[in-house]
């Protein structure tokens, strides 16, 4: 069973690269950076930056880990009891030095398995205890519109690449002329699909 250090539980979380930190009276501060929109079954990157006052993370058992789940339900009291898809479960780098102020981070990604608005469950834990958490219900929208639009772009981009590959191996002038025309059409289709995907997904989703 993990021991929770209740006084260090945080309430600061942001769903954008410019995350909001806790106030100056909080001995541990977590900043979470993640896109507010995600694609189904595609990597969703998350970064957790941690700062802590001198000595706060000295007493620990094993490495201090940033652990994040994405859930369509409710976060539990710990990472292990929270349902959902794992986005991050990684040791902070660097690890804290005794009696020193701390600054470090951990980053990773996971693949959302269901559509809809979902909450982030963020924990800072070692093998035995919980140093901090944020389970305040901030959301990532796993969007069907974004997923479908991005898949259409992926298909258009793959089709364009096939035509370019064929052109590299074409020998007759007729074949090359046909493929050059086809590439022009597919390039326009890919550009249109990319524009639609970016509009549906926003700037934080890799397209």
C-alpha atoms as a PDB file:
ATOM      1  CA  UNK A   1       0.000   0.000   0.000  1.00  0.00           C
ATOM      2  CA  UNK A   2       1.328   3.444  -0.893  1.00  0.00           C
ATOM      3  CA  UNK A   3       1.571   6.160   1.722  1.00  0.00           C
ATOM      4  CA  UNK A   4       0.208   9.484   0.497  1.00  0.00           C
ATOM      5  CA  UNK A   5       1.805  12.717   1.649  1.00  0.00           C
ATOM      6  CA  UNK A   6      -1.402  14.687   1.654  1.00  0.00           C
ATOM      7  CA  UNK A   7       0.164  18.083   2.230  1.00  0.00           C
ATOM      8  CA  UNK A   8       1.971  17.804  -1.091  1.00  0.00           C
ATOM      9  CA  UNK A   9      -1.010  17.027  -3.300  1.00  0.00           C
ATOM     10  CA  UNK A  10      -1.165  19.512  -6.142  1.00  0.00           C
ATOM     11  CA  UNK A  11      -3.965  21.132  -8.039  1.00  0.00           C
ATOM     12  CA  UNK A  12      -2.024  22.648 -10.909  1.00  0.00           C
ATOM     13  CA  UNK A  13      -2.421  21.153 -14.352  1.00  0.00           C
ATOM     14  CA  UNK A  14      -2.637  22.548 -17.849  1.00  0.00           C
ATOM     15  CA  UNK A  15      -3.484  20.935 -21.153  1.00  0.00           C
ATOM     16  CA  UNK A  16      -1.131  23.025 -23.233  1.00  0.00           C
ATOM     17  CA  UNK A  17       2.624  23.362 -23.655  1.00  0.00           C
ATOM     18  CA  UNK A  18       2.556  26.441 -21.395  1.00  0.00           C
ATOM     19  CA  UNK A  19       1.404  24.672 -18.263  1.00  0.00           C
ATOM     20  CA  UNK A  20       0.484  26.567 -15.101  1.00  0.00           C
ATOM     21  CA  UNK A  21       2.514  25.854 -11.975  1.00  0.00           C
ATOM     22  CA  UNK A  22       1.340  25.671  -8.397  1.00  0.00           C
ATOM     23  CA  UNK A  23       1.751  28.620  -6.058  1.00  0.00           C
ATOM     24  CA  UNK A  24       4.991  29.441  -4.277  1.00  0.00           C
ATOM     25  CA  UNK A  25       3.780  27.882  -1.009  1.00  0.00           C
ATOM     26  CA  UNK A  26       3.647  24.405  -2.554  1.00  0.00           C
ATOM     27  CA  UNK A  27       6.876  22.490  -1.861  1.00  0.00           C
ATOM     28  CA  UNK A  28       6.411  20.337  -4.994  1.00  0.00           C
ATOM     29  CA  UNK A  29       5.226  21.815  -8.273  1.00  0.00           C
ATOM     30  CA  UNK A  30       4.199  19.818 -11.342  1.00  0.00           C
ATOM     31  CA  UNK A  31       3.694  21.208 -14.825  1.00  0.00           C
ATOM     32  CA  UNK A  32       1.954  18.960 -17.341  1.00  0.00           C
ATOM     33  CA  UNK A  33       2.167  19.617 -21.077  1.00  0.00           C
ATOM     34  CA  UNK A  34      -0.194  17.717 -23.372  1.00  0.00           C
ATOM     35  CA  UNK A  35      -2.297  18.474 -26.445  1.00  0.00           C
ATOM     36  CA  UNK A  36      -5.981  19.137 -25.665  1.00  0.00           C
ATOM     37  CA  UNK A  37      -7.095  17.014 -28.660  1.00  0.00           C
ATOM     38  CA  UNK A  38      -5.926  13.498 -29.500  1.00  0.00           C
ATOM     39  CA  UNK A  39      -6.332  10.800 -32.153  1.00  0.00           C
ATOM     40  CA  UNK A  40      -7.700   7.390 -31.292  1.00  0.00           C
ATOM     41  CA  UNK A  41      -5.027   4.633 -31.171  1.00  0.00           C
ATOM     42  CA  UNK A  42      -2.269   7.107 -32.052  1.00  0.00           C
ATOM     43  CA  UNK A  43       0.569   8.293 -29.774  1.00  0.00           C
ATOM     44  CA  UNK A  44      -0.405  11.063 -27.358  1.00  0.00           C
ATOM     45  CA  UNK A  45       2.713  12.697 -25.922  1.00  0.00           C
ATOM     46  CA  UNK A  46       2.887  14.050 -22.375  1.00  0.00           C
ATOM     47  CA  UNK A  47       5.628  15.791 -20.417  1.00  0.00           C
ATOM     48  CA  UNK A  48       5.668  16.284 -16.649  1.00  0.00           C
ATOM     49  CA  UNK A  49       8.127  18.868 -15.306  1.00  0.00           C
ATOM     50  CA  UNK A  50       8.721  18.802 -11.548  1.00  0.00           C
ATOM     51  CA  UNK A  51      10.352  21.309  -9.230  1.00  0.00           C
ATOM     52  CA  UNK A  52      10.670  20.819  -5.482  1.00  0.00           C
ATOM     53  CA  UNK A  53      12.046  22.688  -2.519  1.00  0.00           C
ATOM     54  CA  UNK A  54      15.296  21.611  -0.891  1.00  0.00           C
ATOM     55  CA  UNK A  55      15.098  18.187   0.766  1.00  0.00           C
ATOM     56  CA  UNK A  56      11.432  17.514  -0.001  1.00  0.00           C
ATOM     57  CA  UNK A  57      12.206  14.410  -2.093  1.00  0.00           C
ATOM     58  CA  UNK A  58      15.081  13.140   0.073  1.00  0.00           C
ATOM     59  CA  UNK A  59      13.209  10.340   1.867  1.00  0.00           C
ATOM     60  CA  UNK A  60      12.243   7.917  -0.849  1.00  0.00           C
ATOM     61  CA  UNK A  61      12.190   4.235  -1.709  1.00  0.00           C
ATOM     62  CA  UNK A  62      13.384   3.630  -5.240  1.00  0.00           C
ATOM     63  CA  UNK A  63      13.288   6.139  -8.087  1.00  0.00           C
ATOM     64  CA  UNK A  64      10.770   8.978  -8.105  1.00  0.00           C
ATOM     65  CA  UNK A  65       8.443   8.406 -11.057  1.00  0.00           C
ATOM     66  CA  UNK A  66       6.000  10.581 -12.974  1.00  0.00           C
ATOM     67  CA  UNK A  67       2.943   8.445 -13.771  1.00  0.00           C
ATOM     68  CA  UNK A  68       0.007   9.548 -15.917  1.00  0.00           C
ATOM     69  CA  UNK A  69      -3.174   7.824 -17.055  1.00  0.00           C
ATOM     70  CA  UNK A  70      -5.941   8.997 -19.378  1.00  0.00           C
ATOM     71  CA  UNK A  71      -9.350   7.835 -18.208  1.00  0.00           C
ATOM     72  CA  UNK A  72     -12.951   8.097 -19.337  1.00  0.00           C
ATOM     73  CA  UNK A  73     -13.956   7.391 -15.728  1.00  0.00           C
ATOM     74  CA  UNK A  74     -12.697   8.908 -12.489  1.00  0.00           C
ATOM     75  CA  UNK A  75      -9.129   8.978 -11.200  1.00  0.00           C
ATOM     76  CA  UNK A  76      -8.372   6.811  -8.200  1.00  0.00           C
ATOM     77  CA  UNK A  77      -6.285   7.734  -5.202  1.00  0.00           C
ATOM     78  CA  UNK A  78      -3.133   6.273  -6.770  1.00  0.00           C
ATOM     79  CA  UNK A  79      -1.808   5.478 -10.220  1.00  0.00           C
ATOM     80  CA  UNK A  80      -2.441   1.755  -9.746  1.00  0.00           C
ATOM     81  CA  UNK A  81      -6.062   2.248  -8.680  1.00  0.00           C
ATOM     82  CA  UNK A  82      -6.857   4.690 -11.500  1.00  0.00           C
ATOM     83  CA  UNK A  83      -8.489   3.153 -14.582  1.00  0.00           C
ATOM     84  CA  UNK A  84      -7.490   4.093 -18.095  1.00  0.00           C
ATOM     85  CA  UNK A  85      -4.702   4.147 -20.641  1.00  0.00           C
ATOM     86  CA  UNK A  86      -1.111   4.631 -19.463  1.00  0.00           C
ATOM     87  CA  UNK A  87       0.495   7.690 -21.037  1.00  0.00           C
ATOM     88  CA  UNK A  88       3.578   7.890 -18.828  1.00  0.00           C
ATOM     89  CA  UNK A  89       5.269   5.738 -16.189  1.00  0.00           C
ATOM     90  CA  UNK A  90       8.879   6.811 -16.099  1.00  0.00           C
ATOM     91  CA  UNK A  91      11.543   7.834 -13.591  1.00  0.00           C
ATOM     92  CA  UNK A  92      12.304  11.523 -13.375  1.00  0.00           C
ATOM     93  CA  UNK A  93      15.581  12.630 -14.925  1.00  0.00           C
ATOM     94  CA  UNK A  94      17.693  13.510 -13.170  1.00  0.00           C
ATOM     95  CA  UNK A  95      16.790  11.892  -9.863  1.00  0.00           C
ATOM     96  CA  UNK A  96      16.816  14.180  -6.794  1.00  0.00           C
ATOM     97  CA  UNK A  97      20.083  14.791  -4.933  1.00  0.00           C
ATOM     98  CA  UNK A  98      19.936  14.796  -1.116  1.00  0.00           C
ATOM     99  CA  UNK A  99      19.358  18.188   0.509  1.00  0.00           C
ATOM    100  CA  UNK A 100      19.198  19.976  -2.851  1.00  0.00           C
ATOM    101  CA  UNK A 101      16.366  21.848  -4.593  1.00  0.00           C
ATOM    102  CA  UNK A 102      15.046  19.760  -7.452  1.00  0.00           C
ATOM    103  CA  UNK A 103      14.192  20.359 -11.093  1.00  0.00           C
ATOM    104  CA  UNK A 104      13.609  17.567 -13.584  1.00  0.00           C
ATOM    105  CA  UNK A 105      11.090  15.959 -15.854  1.00  0.00           C
ATOM    106  CA  UNK A 106       9.813  12.823 -17.515  1.00  0.00           C
ATOM    107  CA  UNK A 107       8.176  12.410 -20.905  1.00  0.00           C
ATOM    108  CA  UNK A 108       6.437   9.629 -22.772  1.00  0.00           C
ATOM    109  CA  UNK A 109       3.367   8.759 -24.764  1.00  0.00           C
ATOM    110  CA  UNK A 110       0.458   6.359 -24.855  1.00  0.00           C
ATOM    111  CA  UNK A 111      -2.383   5.496 -27.211  1.00  0.00           C
ATOM    112  CA  UNK A 112      -5.942   6.454 -26.273  1.00  0.00           C
ATOM    113  CA  UNK A 113      -8.317   3.498 -26.654  1.00  0.00           C
ATOM    114  CA  UNK A 114     -11.714   5.233 -26.650  1.00  0.00           C
ATOM    115  CA  UNK A 115     -13.332   8.408 -27.974  1.00  0.00           C
ATOM    116  CA  UNK A 116     -14.616  11.345 -25.994  1.00  0.00           C
ATOM    117  CA  UNK A 117     -13.514  13.777 -23.278  1.00  0.00           C
ATOM    118  CA  UNK A 118     -11.175  12.084 -20.816  1.00  0.00           C
ATOM    119  CA  UNK A 119      -9.449  13.114 -17.598  1.00  0.00           C
ATOM    120  CA  UNK A 120      -5.749  13.061 -16.805  1.00  0.00           C
ATOM    121  CA  UNK A 121      -4.663  11.330 -13.604  1.00  0.00           C
ATOM    122  CA  UNK A 122      -1.175  12.547 -12.686  1.00  0.00           C
ATOM    123  CA  UNK A 123       0.923  11.130  -9.847  1.00  0.00           C
ATOM    124  CA  UNK A 124       4.434  11.572  -8.499  1.00  0.00           C
ATOM    125  CA  UNK A 125       5.371   8.365  -6.651  1.00  0.00           C
ATOM    126  CA  UNK A 126       8.219   6.128  -5.620  1.00  0.00           C
ATOM    127  CA  UNK A 127       7.968   2.419  -4.784  1.00  0.00           C
ATOM    128  CA  UNK A 128       6.172   3.114  -1.521  1.00  0.00           C
ATOM    129  CA  UNK A 129       4.704   6.592  -1.266  1.00  0.00           C
ATOM    130  CA  UNK A 130       2.961   9.306  -3.221  1.00  0.00           C
ATOM    131  CA  UNK A 131       4.626  12.715  -3.161  1.00  0.00           C
ATOM    132  CA  UNK A 132       2.077  14.623  -5.225  1.00  0.00           C
ATOM    133  CA  UNK A 133      -0.927  14.149  -7.459  1.00  0.00           C
ATOM    134  CA  UNK A 134      -3.277  16.034  -9.736  1.00  0.00           C
ATOM    135  CA  UNK A 135      -6.632  14.380 -10.359  1.00  0.00           C
ATOM    136  CA  UNK A 136      -8.693  17.520 -10.828  1.00  0.00           C
ATOM    137  CA  UNK A 137     -10.462  16.428 -13.994  1.00  0.00           C
ATOM    138  CA  UNK A 138      -8.712  18.363 -16.743  1.00  0.00           C
ATOM    139  CA  UNK A 139      -9.558  16.827 -20.064  1.00  0.00           C
ATOM    140  CA  UNK A 140      -8.175  15.657 -23.354  1.00  0.00           C
ATOM    141  CA  UNK A 141     -10.740  15.189 -26.100  1.00  0.00           C
ATOM    142  CA  UNK A 142     -10.059  12.018 -28.072  1.00  0.00           C
ATOM    143  CA  UNK A 143     -11.807  13.295 -31.157  1.00  0.00           C
ATOM    144  CA  UNK A 144     -13.425  11.195 -33.867  1.00  0.00           C
ATOM    145  CA  UNK A 145     -13.380  14.188 -36.194  1.00  0.00           C
ATOM    146  CA  UNK A 146      -9.642  14.632 -35.687  1.00  0.00           C
ATOM    147  CA  UNK A 147      -8.993  10.888 -35.984  1.00  0.00           C
ATOM    148  CA  UNK A 148     -10.939  10.571 -39.240  1.00  0.00           C
ATOM    149  CA  UNK A 149      -9.458  13.716 -40.796  1.00  0.00           C
ATOM    150  CA  UNK A 150      -5.903  12.718 -39.854  1.00  0.00           C
ATOM    151  CA  UNK A 151      -6.459   9.200 -41.225  1.00  0.00           C
ATOM    152  CA  UNK A 152      -7.642  10.723 -44.511  1.00  0.00           C
ATOM    153  CA  UNK A 153      -4.454  12.761 -44.685  1.00  0.00           C
ATOM    154  CA  UNK A 154      -2.327   9.698 -43.885  1.00  0.00           C
ATOM    155  CA  UNK A 155      -4.015   7.855 -46.751  1.00  0.00           C
ATOM    156  CA  UNK A 156      -3.544  10.782 -49.171  1.00  0.00           C
ATOM    157  CA  UNK A 157       0.118  11.153 -48.185  1.00  0.00           C
ATOM    158  CA  UNK A 158       0.725   7.420 -48.680  1.00  0.00           C
ATOM    159  CA  UNK A 159      -0.940   7.566 -52.095  1.00  0.00           C
ATOM    160  CA  UNK A 160       1.282  10.477 -53.095  1.00  0.00           C
ATOM    161  CA  UNK A 161       4.405   8.612 -51.961  1.00  0.00           C
ATOM    162  CA  UNK A 162       3.422   5.540 -54.007  1.00  0.00           C
ATOM    163  CA  UNK A 163       3.122   7.671 -57.123  1.00  0.00           C
ATOM    164  CA  UNK A 164       6.516   9.293 -56.456  1.00  0.00           C
ATOM    165  CA  UNK A 165       8.079   5.871 -55.988  1.00  0.00           C
ATOM    166  CA  UNK A 166       6.579   4.678 -59.256  1.00  0.00           C
ATOM    167  CA  UNK A 167       7.971   7.739 -61.051  1.00  0.00           C
ATOM    168  CA  UNK A 168      11.481   6.939 -59.851  1.00  0.00           C
ATOM    169  CA  UNK A 169      11.247   3.558 -61.552  1.00  0.00           C
ATOM    170  CA  UNK A 170       9.404   4.654 -64.717  1.00  0.00           C
ATOM    171  CA  UNK A 171      11.349   4.452 -67.993  1.00  0.00           C
ATOM    172  CA  UNK A 172       9.085   5.441 -70.856  1.00  0.00           C
ATOM    173  CA  UNK A 173       8.218   9.060 -71.463  1.00  0.00           C
ATOM    174  CA  UNK A 174       4.508   8.197 -71.564  1.00  0.00           C
ATOM    175  CA  UNK A 175       4.661   6.542 -68.146  1.00  0.00           C
ATOM    176  CA  UNK A 176       6.630   9.426 -66.697  1.00  0.00           C
ATOM    177  CA  UNK A 177       4.195  11.982 -68.106  1.00  0.00           C
ATOM    178  CA  UNK A 178       1.219  10.071 -66.695  1.00  0.00           C
ATOM    179  CA  UNK A 179       2.844   9.752 -63.280  1.00  0.00           C
ATOM    180  CA  UNK A 180       3.864  13.389 -63.134  1.00  0.00           C
ATOM    181  CA  UNK A 181       0.251  14.377 -63.773  1.00  0.00           C
ATOM    182  CA  UNK A 182      -0.909  11.868 -61.138  1.00  0.00           C
ATOM    183  CA  UNK A 183       1.591  13.244 -58.615  1.00  0.00           C
ATOM    184  CA  UNK A 184       0.343  16.777 -59.199  1.00  0.00           C
ATOM    185  CA  UNK A 185      -3.228  15.640 -58.481  1.00  0.00           C
ATOM    186  CA  UNK A 186      -2.267  13.650 -55.417  1.00  0.00           C
ATOM    187  CA  UNK A 187      -0.083  16.463 -54.062  1.00  0.00           C
ATOM    188  CA  UNK A 188      -3.081  18.797 -54.196  1.00  0.00           C
ATOM    189  CA  UNK A 189      -5.287  16.164 -52.550  1.00  0.00           C
ATOM    190  CA  UNK A 190      -2.736  15.614 -49.783  1.00  0.00           C
ATOM    191  CA  UNK A 191      -2.407  19.351 -49.139  1.00  0.00           C
ATOM    192  CA  UNK A 192      -6.189  19.693 -48.884  1.00  0.00           C
ATOM    193  CA  UNK A 193      -6.420  16.697 -46.546  1.00  0.00           C
ATOM    194  CA  UNK A 194      -3.622  18.061 -44.355  1.00  0.00           C
ATOM    195  CA  UNK A 195      -5.380  21.416 -44.080  1.00  0.00           C
ATOM    196  CA  UNK A 196      -8.611  19.671 -43.041  1.00  0.00           C
ATOM    197  CA  UNK A 197      -6.769  17.515 -40.502  1.00  0.00           C
ATOM    198  CA  UNK A 198      -5.008  20.511 -38.978  1.00  0.00           C
ATOM    199  CA  UNK A 199      -8.315  22.340 -38.684  1.00  0.00           C
ATOM    200  CA  UNK A 200      -9.915  19.339 -36.967  1.00  0.00           C
ATOM    201  CA  UNK A 201      -7.014  18.481 -34.662  1.00  0.00           C
ATOM    202  CA  UNK A 202      -5.398  21.782 -33.791  1.00  0.00           C
ATOM    203  CA  UNK A 203      -1.675  22.519 -33.588  1.00  0.00           C
ATOM    204  CA  UNK A 204      -0.790  20.019 -30.854  1.00  0.00           C
ATOM    205  CA  UNK A 205      -1.515  16.818 -32.787  1.00  0.00           C
ATOM    206  CA  UNK A 206       1.190  15.441 -35.114  1.00  0.00           C
ATOM    207  CA  UNK A 207      -0.106  15.392 -38.689  1.00  0.00           C
END
